[in-house]
Protein backbone atom coordinates (compact mmCIF):
# COMPACT_ATOMS: atom_id res chain seq x y z
CA UNK A 1 23.50 -10.29 -16.98
CA UNK A 2 22.25 -7.02 -18.40
CA UNK A 3 25.77 -5.62 -18.69
CA UNK A 4 27.03 -8.79 -20.39
CA UNK A 5 24.15 -8.65 -22.85
CA UNK A 6 24.60 -4.98 -23.77
CA UNK A 7 28.36 -4.59 -23.47
CA UNK A 8 29.01 -5.66 -27.05
CA UNK A 9 26.97 -2.74 -28.42
CA UNK A 10 28.06 0.87 -28.83
CA UNK A 11 26.04 2.95 -26.33
CA UNK A 12 25.05 5.44 -29.02
CA UNK A 13 24.20 2.98 -31.77
CA UNK A 14 20.77 2.04 -33.00
CA UNK A 15 21.61 -1.58 -32.21
CA UNK A 16 22.23 -0.67 -28.57
CA UNK A 17 18.86 1.08 -28.32
CA UNK A 18 17.11 -1.87 -29.93
CA UNK A 19 18.96 -4.30 -27.66
CA UNK A 20 18.03 -2.26 -24.58
CA UNK A 21 14.41 -2.17 -25.66
CA UNK A 22 14.46 -5.93 -26.22
CA UNK A 23 16.08 -6.50 -22.83
CA UNK A 24 13.51 -4.37 -20.99
CA UNK A 25 10.64 -6.03 -22.83
CA UNK A 26 11.86 -9.51 -21.92
CA UNK A 27 12.57 -8.64 -18.28
CA UNK A 28 9.11 -7.12 -17.83
CA UNK A 29 7.43 -10.51 -17.71
CA UNK A 30 7.74 -13.97 -16.21
CA UNK A 31 5.63 -16.17 -18.49
CA UNK A 32 3.66 -19.01 -16.89
CA UNK A 33 5.04 -18.40 -13.40
CA UNK A 34 3.90 -21.80 -12.10
CA UNK A 35 5.16 -23.69 -15.19
CA UNK A 36 1.81 -25.40 -15.68
CA UNK A 37 0.77 -27.31 -18.76
CA UNK A 38 -0.78 -24.72 -21.09
CA UNK A 39 -2.92 -26.91 -23.32
CA UNK A 40 -6.43 -25.48 -23.68
CA UNK A 41 -6.17 -23.19 -20.66
CA UNK A 42 -7.17 -19.51 -20.57
CA UNK A 43 -4.44 -16.97 -19.76
CA UNK A 44 -4.27 -14.02 -17.37
CA UNK A 45 -1.80 -11.14 -17.45
CA UNK A 46 -1.15 -10.26 -13.80
CA UNK A 47 0.27 -6.75 -14.09
CA UNK A 48 1.61 -6.09 -10.60
CA UNK A 49 5.12 -7.13 -9.48
CA UNK A 50 7.75 -9.67 -10.49
CA UNK A 51 9.62 -9.88 -7.19
CA UNK A 52 7.23 -12.28 -5.40
CA UNK A 53 7.91 -14.87 -8.12
CA UNK A 54 11.67 -14.40 -7.91
CA UNK A 55 11.68 -15.15 -4.16
CA UNK A 56 11.43 -18.46 -2.36
CA UNK A 57 7.85 -18.79 -1.13
CA UNK A 58 9.16 -19.10 2.45
CA UNK A 59 11.28 -15.95 2.19
CA UNK A 60 10.87 -13.87 5.39
CA UNK A 61 10.41 -10.76 3.24
CA UNK A 62 6.83 -11.95 2.68
CA UNK A 63 6.19 -10.93 6.30
CA UNK A 64 7.27 -7.30 5.86
CA UNK A 65 4.77 -5.81 3.44
CA UNK A 66 1.46 -7.30 2.47
CA UNK A 67 1.82 -6.43 -1.22
CA UNK A 68 4.42 -9.16 -1.85
CA UNK A 69 2.28 -11.95 -0.42
CA UNK A 70 -0.89 -10.39 -1.85
CA UNK A 71 0.58 -10.42 -5.36
CA UNK A 72 1.51 -14.10 -5.13
CA UNK A 73 -1.85 -14.97 -3.56
CA UNK A 74 -3.77 -13.41 -6.47
CA UNK A 75 -1.67 -15.44 -8.91
CA UNK A 76 -2.45 -18.63 -6.97
CA UNK A 77 -6.18 -17.83 -7.05
CA UNK A 78 -6.12 -17.43 -10.84
CA UNK A 79 -4.19 -20.69 -11.09
CA UNK A 80 -6.82 -22.47 -8.99
CA UNK A 81 -9.42 -21.10 -11.41
CA UNK A 82 -7.61 -22.83 -14.25
CA UNK A 83 -5.63 -19.93 -15.72
CA UNK A 84 -2.05 -19.80 -16.92
CA UNK A 85 -0.55 -16.82 -15.10
CA UNK A 86 1.95 -14.42 -16.66
CA UNK A 87 3.50 -12.09 -14.07
CA UNK A 88 4.13 -8.61 -15.49
CA UNK A 89 5.96 -5.62 -14.05
CA UNK A 90 3.20 -2.99 -13.88
CA UNK A 91 5.76 -0.14 -13.95
CA UNK A 92 7.67 -1.38 -16.98
CA UNK A 93 6.63 0.81 -19.90
CA UNK A 94 8.33 -1.46 -22.46
CA UNK A 95 6.09 -4.46 -21.94
CA UNK A 96 3.97 -5.61 -24.88
CA UNK A 97 1.64 -8.64 -24.66
CA UNK A 98 3.24 -11.85 -25.91
CA UNK A 99 -0.06 -13.74 -25.86
CA UNK A 100 -3.78 -13.15 -26.17
CA UNK A 101 -5.05 -12.62 -22.65
CA UNK A 102 -8.49 -13.72 -21.54
CA UNK A 103 -8.07 -11.60 -18.41
CA UNK A 104 -5.82 -8.64 -17.71
CA UNK A 105 -5.44 -7.69 -14.03
CA UNK A 106 -3.69 -4.33 -13.68
CA UNK A 107 -2.26 -2.49 -10.69
CA UNK A 108 -2.49 0.84 -12.47
CA UNK A 109 -0.28 1.81 -15.38
CA UNK A 110 -0.26 -0.84 -18.11
CA UNK A 111 -3.93 -1.15 -18.91
CA UNK A 112 -4.23 2.31 -20.40
CA UNK A 113 -1.08 1.91 -22.49
CA UNK A 114 -2.08 -1.52 -23.78
CA UNK A 115 -5.81 -0.91 -24.36
CA UNK A 116 -5.48 -1.40 -28.13
CA UNK A 117 -3.27 -4.48 -27.79
CA UNK A 118 -5.68 -6.52 -25.69
CA UNK A 119 -8.43 -8.65 -27.27
CA UNK A 120 -11.88 -7.10 -27.37
CA UNK A 121 -13.32 -9.79 -25.11
CA UNK A 122 -10.47 -9.68 -22.63
CA UNK A 123 -11.85 -9.03 -19.13
CA UNK A 124 -9.96 -6.03 -17.79
CA UNK A 125 -9.69 -5.61 -14.02
CA UNK A 126 -8.18 -2.57 -12.31
CA UNK A 127 -6.69 -3.20 -8.85
CA UNK A 128 -6.60 0.00 -6.77
CA UNK A 129 -3.93 -0.18 -4.07
CA UNK A 130 -3.56 3.56 -3.52
CA UNK A 131 -5.87 6.53 -3.39
CA UNK A 132 -6.85 7.81 -6.80
CA UNK A 133 -3.94 9.80 -8.24
CA UNK A 134 -5.93 13.05 -8.15
CA UNK A 135 -6.65 12.74 -4.42
CA UNK A 136 -3.21 11.41 -3.56
CA UNK A 137 -1.35 14.16 -5.39
CA UNK A 138 -3.60 16.90 -4.03
CA UNK A 139 -3.09 15.70 -0.47
CA UNK A 140 0.66 15.42 -0.95
CA UNK A 141 1.03 18.99 -2.22
CA UNK A 142 -1.25 20.30 0.52
CA UNK A 143 1.02 18.80 3.20
CA UNK A 144 4.17 20.10 1.51
CA UNK A 145 2.68 23.58 1.29
CA UNK A 146 1.64 23.51 4.96
CA UNK A 147 5.18 22.54 5.96
CA UNK A 148 6.59 25.39 3.90
CA UNK A 149 4.20 27.84 5.55
CA UNK A 150 5.06 26.59 9.06
CA UNK A 151 8.84 26.34 8.82
CA UNK A 152 9.83 27.93 5.52
CA UNK A 153 11.14 24.53 4.41
CA UNK A 154 10.68 23.19 0.89
CA UNK A 155 10.71 19.39 0.66
CA UNK A 156 10.25 17.70 -2.74
CA UNK A 157 7.25 15.39 -3.22
CA UNK A 158 7.85 11.68 -2.68
CA UNK A 159 4.39 10.14 -3.07
CA UNK A 160 3.21 11.52 -6.40
CA UNK A 161 1.45 9.17 -8.84
CA UNK A 162 1.30 9.66 -12.58
CA UNK A 163 -2.19 10.16 -13.92
CA UNK A 164 -3.83 7.08 -15.40
CA UNK A 165 -7.20 6.00 -16.75
CA UNK A 166 -6.97 2.30 -16.01
CA UNK A 167 -9.87 2.59 -13.56
CA UNK A 168 -12.03 4.06 -16.32
CA UNK A 169 -11.00 1.53 -18.97
CA UNK A 170 -11.49 -1.56 -16.81
CA UNK A 171 -14.60 -3.73 -16.85
CA UNK A 172 -14.47 -4.02 -13.06
CA UNK A 173 -12.56 -2.38 -10.21
CA UNK A 174 -11.18 -4.05 -7.07
CA UNK A 175 -10.07 -1.78 -4.24
CA UNK A 176 -8.36 -2.41 -0.93
CA UNK A 177 -9.19 -0.31 2.13
CA UNK A 178 -12.48 1.04 3.44
CA UNK A 179 -14.98 3.75 2.52
CA UNK A 180 -12.15 6.32 2.23
CA UNK A 181 -10.76 4.38 -0.72
CA UNK A 182 -14.21 3.97 -2.25
CA UNK A 183 -14.81 7.70 -1.98
CA UNK A 184 -11.52 8.35 -3.76
CA UNK A 185 -12.89 6.39 -6.75
CA UNK A 186 -16.39 7.86 -6.52
CA UNK A 187 -16.38 8.69 -10.24
CA UNK A 188 -16.45 4.99 -11.19
CA UNK A 189 -19.75 3.91 -12.76
CA UNK A 190 -18.99 0.20 -13.09
CA UNK A 191 -18.83 -2.72 -10.64
CA UNK A 192 -16.56 -1.90 -7.70
CA UNK A 193 -15.50 -4.50 -5.13
CA UNK A 194 -13.43 -4.09 -1.96
CA UNK A 195 -11.18 -6.47 -0.06
CA UNK A 196 -9.24 -5.98 3.17
CA UNK A 197 -5.46 -6.32 3.25
CA UNK A 198 -3.91 -8.94 5.51
CA UNK A 199 -1.37 -9.36 8.28
CA UNK A 200 0.58 -12.63 8.65
CA UNK A 201 -0.31 -14.57 11.79
CA UNK A 202 3.37 -14.65 12.78
CA UNK A 203 3.28 -10.90 13.47
CA UNK A 204 0.43 -11.04 15.99
CA UNK A 205 1.92 -10.63 19.45
CA UNK A 206 -0.14 -11.31 22.58
CA UNK A 207 2.44 -9.88 24.97
CA UNK A 208 1.35 -8.11 28.13
CA UNK A 209 2.24 -4.45 28.61
CA UNK A 210 3.14 -2.52 31.70
CA UNK A 211 0.67 0.27 31.02
CA UNK A 212 2.00 2.61 33.68
CA UNK A 213 5.16 2.91 31.59
CA UNK A 214 3.79 2.19 28.11
CA UNK A 215 1.16 4.96 28.29
CA UNK A 216 3.97 7.53 27.93
CA UNK A 217 5.71 5.82 24.98
CA UNK A 218 4.51 6.23 21.40
CA UNK A 219 5.44 4.92 17.97
CA UNK A 220 5.65 6.24 14.41
CA UNK A 221 6.60 3.92 11.55
CA UNK A 222 6.34 4.55 7.83
CA UNK A 223 7.94 4.16 4.44
CA UNK A 224 8.90 6.78 1.88
CA UNK A 225 7.23 10.16 1.94
CA UNK A 226 7.75 11.42 5.48
CA UNK A 227 5.69 14.57 4.99
CA UNK A 228 2.83 12.72 3.31
CA UNK A 229 2.76 10.28 6.22
CA UNK A 230 2.80 13.04 8.84
CA UNK A 231 6.22 12.49 10.43
CA UNK A 232 6.93 16.24 10.36
CA UNK A 233 3.77 16.89 12.39
CA UNK A 234 4.55 14.14 14.90
CA UNK A 235 8.14 15.30 15.41
CA UNK A 236 7.04 18.90 15.99
CA UNK A 237 4.33 17.75 18.40
CA UNK A 238 6.61 15.55 20.54
CA UNK A 239 9.32 18.20 20.61
CA UNK A 240 6.73 20.23 22.54
CA UNK A 241 5.93 17.31 24.89
CA UNK A 242 9.17 16.22 26.63
CA UNK A 243 7.12 14.22 29.13
CA UNK A 244 6.34 11.65 26.40
CA UNK A 245 8.72 9.45 24.39
CA UNK A 246 8.50 8.81 20.65
CA UNK A 247 10.14 5.93 18.76
CA UNK A 248 10.51 6.58 15.02
CA UNK A 249 11.09 3.87 12.42
CA UNK A 250 11.36 4.75 8.75
CA UNK A 251 13.35 6.20 5.88
CA UNK A 252 13.84 9.80 7.02
CA UNK A 253 17.60 9.35 6.56
CA UNK A 254 16.97 8.62 2.87
CA UNK A 255 15.12 11.89 2.31
CA UNK A 256 17.95 14.44 2.64
CA UNK A 257 15.81 17.59 2.54
CA UNK A 258 13.52 16.23 5.24
CA UNK A 259 16.39 14.93 7.36
CA UNK A 260 18.13 18.31 7.20
CA UNK A 261 14.95 20.20 8.10
CA UNK A 262 14.24 17.93 11.10
CA UNK A 263 17.79 17.06 12.12
CA UNK A 264 17.33 18.49 15.61
CA UNK A 265 14.10 16.60 16.24
CA UNK A 266 15.46 13.33 14.82
CA UNK A 267 18.90 13.34 16.42
CA UNK A 268 19.02 16.05 19.07
CA UNK A 269 15.78 15.79 21.02
CA UNK A 270 16.01 13.70 24.17
CA UNK A 271 12.51 12.24 24.12
CA UNK A 272 12.65 11.25 20.42
CA UNK A 273 14.57 8.14 19.30
CA UNK A 274 15.12 7.61 15.59
CA UNK A 275 15.86 3.95 14.75
CA UNK A 276 15.90 4.05 10.93
CA UNK A 277 14.48 1.20 8.86
CA UNK A 278 13.26 -1.84 10.78
CA UNK A 279 12.21 -5.35 9.84
CA UNK A 280 8.73 -5.61 11.36
CA UNK A 281 9.36 -9.30 12.04
CA UNK A 282 12.52 -8.49 14.03
CA UNK A 283 13.04 -8.81 17.77
CA UNK A 284 13.89 -5.09 17.98
CA UNK A 285 10.53 -4.03 16.60
CA UNK A 286 8.65 -6.43 18.89
CA UNK A 287 10.55 -5.15 21.93
CA UNK A 288 9.79 -1.52 21.13
CA UNK A 289 6.12 -2.36 20.53
CA UNK A 290 5.96 -3.93 23.99
CA UNK A 291 7.18 -0.65 25.46
CA UNK A 292 4.73 1.55 23.53
CA UNK A 293 1.02 2.17 23.91
CA UNK A 294 0.00 3.79 20.62
CA UNK A 295 0.88 4.46 17.01
CA UNK A 296 0.72 8.13 15.99
CA UNK A 297 0.04 8.21 12.25
CA UNK A 298 -1.55 11.41 10.88
CA UNK A 299 -1.07 10.39 7.26
CA UNK A 300 -2.45 12.51 4.43
CA UNK A 301 -3.76 9.41 2.72
CA UNK A 302 -3.35 5.63 2.78
CA UNK A 303 -5.07 2.57 1.37
CA UNK A 304 -5.30 1.08 4.89
CA UNK A 305 -1.55 1.29 5.40
CA UNK A 306 0.42 -1.84 6.18
CA UNK A 307 2.05 -0.30 9.27
CA UNK A 308 -1.30 0.50 10.87
CA UNK A 309 -2.38 -3.13 10.89
CA UNK A 310 1.03 -4.56 11.82
CA UNK A 311 1.16 -2.23 14.82
CA UNK A 312 -2.37 -3.21 15.83
CA UNK A 313 -1.39 -6.89 15.56
CA UNK A 314 1.18 -6.21 18.26
CA UNK A 315 -1.33 -4.61 20.59
CA UNK A 316 -0.46 -1.03 19.64
CA UNK A 317 -3.48 1.27 19.81
CA UNK A 318 -3.94 3.36 16.64
CA UNK A 319 -4.16 7.16 16.83
CA UNK A 320 -4.57 7.93 13.16
CA UNK A 321 -6.07 10.25 10.57
CA UNK A 322 -9.33 9.29 8.88
CA UNK A 323 -7.38 9.20 5.60
CA UNK A 324 -5.51 6.11 6.79
CA UNK A 325 -8.59 4.18 5.62
CA UNK A 326 -8.60 1.90 8.68
CA UNK A 327 -11.76 1.11 10.65
CA UNK A 328 -10.54 1.17 14.27
CA UNK A 329 -13.98 0.50 15.82
CA UNK A 330 -13.53 0.88 19.54
CA UNK A 331 -9.78 0.25 19.48
CA UNK A 332 -8.24 3.55 18.56
CA UNK A 333 -8.66 7.27 18.05
CA UNK A 334 -9.37 8.97 14.74
CA UNK A 335 -7.90 12.46 14.80
CA UNK A 336 -10.48 15.18 14.02
CA UNK A 337 -7.70 16.98 12.17
CA UNK A 338 -3.94 16.60 11.84
CA UNK A 339 -2.76 19.88 13.35
CA UNK A 340 0.13 19.84 15.79
CA UNK A 341 -2.16 21.23 18.49
CA UNK A 342 -4.67 18.41 17.98
CA UNK A 343 -1.94 15.76 18.05
CA UNK A 344 -0.62 17.17 21.35
CA UNK A 345 -4.04 17.34 23.01
CA UNK A 346 -4.97 13.86 21.77
CA UNK A 347 -1.74 12.35 23.11
CA UNK A 348 -2.27 13.96 26.52
CA UNK A 349 -5.90 12.82 26.71
CA UNK A 350 -4.93 9.32 25.62
CA UNK A 351 -2.18 9.03 28.25
CA UNK A 352 -4.73 9.92 30.92
CA UNK A 353 -6.91 6.88 30.18
CA UNK A 354 -7.10 4.17 32.81
CA UNK A 355 -4.97 1.06 32.53
CA UNK A 356 -8.14 -1.02 32.11
CA UNK A 357 -9.25 1.15 29.18
CA UNK A 358 -5.83 0.93 27.53
CA UNK A 359 -5.74 -2.85 27.93
CA UNK A 360 -9.24 -3.16 26.48
CA UNK A 361 -8.33 -1.04 23.45
CA UNK A 362 -5.12 -3.00 22.91
CA UNK A 363 -6.98 -6.30 22.93
CA UNK A 364 -9.58 -4.87 20.57
CA UNK A 365 -6.83 -3.81 18.13
CA UNK A 366 -5.54 -7.38 17.96
CA UNK A 367 -9.09 -8.70 17.59
CA UNK A 368 -9.72 -6.44 14.57
CA UNK A 369 -6.63 -7.82 12.87
CA UNK A 370 -7.54 -11.43 13.71
CA UNK A 371 -11.10 -11.15 12.45
CA UNK A 372 -10.82 -8.75 9.49
CA UNK A 373 -7.27 -8.83 8.22
CA UNK A 374 -6.12 -12.43 7.97
CA UNK A 375 -4.47 -14.01 4.97
CA UNK A 376 -7.19 -16.64 4.81
CA UNK A 377 -9.77 -13.87 4.82
CA UNK A 378 -8.08 -12.02 1.99
CA UNK A 379 -7.76 -15.19 -0.09
CA UNK A 380 -11.44 -16.04 0.38
CA UNK A 381 -12.64 -12.50 -0.36
CA UNK A 382 -10.46 -12.11 -3.45
CA UNK A 383 -11.51 -15.54 -4.73
CA UNK A 384 -15.16 -14.55 -4.40
CA UNK A 385 -14.62 -11.20 -6.09
CA UNK A 386 -12.67 -12.62 -9.03
CA UNK A 387 -15.18 -15.44 -9.40
CA UNK A 388 -18.03 -12.92 -9.57
CA UNK A 389 -16.23 -10.71 -12.10
CA UNK A 390 -15.31 -13.60 -14.37
CA UNK A 391 -18.79 -15.12 -14.13
CA UNK A 392 -20.30 -11.81 -15.25
CA UNK A 393 -17.80 -11.56 -18.10
CA UNK A 394 -19.07 -14.87 -19.48
CA UNK A 395 -22.61 -13.49 -19.71
CA UNK A 396 -23.38 -12.61 -23.38
CA UNK A 397 -25.07 -9.33 -22.46
CA UNK A 398 -22.08 -8.34 -20.33
CA UNK A 399 -19.64 -9.13 -23.16
CA UNK A 400 -21.68 -6.95 -25.48
CA UNK A 401 -21.56 -4.07 -23.03
CA UNK A 402 -17.77 -4.44 -22.71
CA UNK A 403 -17.23 -3.97 -26.42
CA UNK A 404 -19.06 -0.65 -26.33
CA UNK A 405 -17.52 0.75 -23.14
CA UNK A 406 -16.93 4.50 -23.21
CA UNK A 407 -14.95 6.55 -20.74
CA UNK A 408 -17.31 8.71 -18.66
CA UNK A 409 -16.65 12.37 -18.11
CA UNK A 410 -14.71 12.71 -14.87
CA UNK A 411 -15.87 15.45 -12.53
CA UNK A 412 -13.72 16.13 -9.48
CA UNK A 413 -15.47 17.13 -6.27
CA UNK A 414 -13.35 18.21 -3.32
């Protein structure tokens, strides 16, 4: 459709540039995603993703990553509150508001750019789904530098965020994750609320494990940014421990510099099996989880991390960094540091636990998911948070304070 629309214009003409701008502006938004009657209703700009509204609501992709379902759930909550919902692509820098929004809910990048285009009394909500860009970028470069020092390998950054001030411009902030996320936004001097991400019930697996075998099998799974997520450390550690097996799922084959640097570990080390990308709702993933005892995930920084909770839902015991922002209370192990030596010693100590202890931890991992990370729980928590924010925004004193909001001086403390 895009090609058909633009083909009639000369690529170097002013008309082409204007047409391209018009095309990007129009494709940055799905107005009134639920096609509700608009008469007399307030309007919210949900600046997050478009994809969840371009998919059938029963699409199996909603099982793979919580952000797709989470995005649609937030839209449904606003709808239940009586709002017309416009879905906006948060990363599209061409979007300009087509309506006067009563609420603008932003995943990070549009709020700062549009601050002068939104009504004065518009309630602006920042939704933090990653560590603050300053923390995230610092942690990324630290890991890349450590890899270069260890192996004289330079891998380009994959998890860098542009700087933004949406968190400072918002009237309220909603974060996912635990105290690690809250600490990342410690400079915020306005209302901050936190909600826990969810795992679909269909992914919870109550299978029984043969612990005598499973205790020696481990798992790593992650998306883009292999160094940020600690795959380099895990590969180096298991290459030193041939008595243990490691199953790796992820996009290492799409990061050529990383794949080249760790080609031997990924493809030529007997106790390491690289599977590539996997659908977490697939039979393959479930079968591997039944063979494994623990997830090894020494990430530099997560906002809970979808893979942590999905693994726990399948009875996998988490062995993770504190920066994963997951409370593993009694189920897993939080690494004191992410050195290769510590990973090796932790794996060996873990494998020496009794079968009864391993079974207890596995059951506890599932229990944490069932009690703290359900979709119903997320919906209820987010409904409460949004209700509180919007109720405060209707208070005359609060509206007055919003019109005189100033950006505080940001001081970074390591």
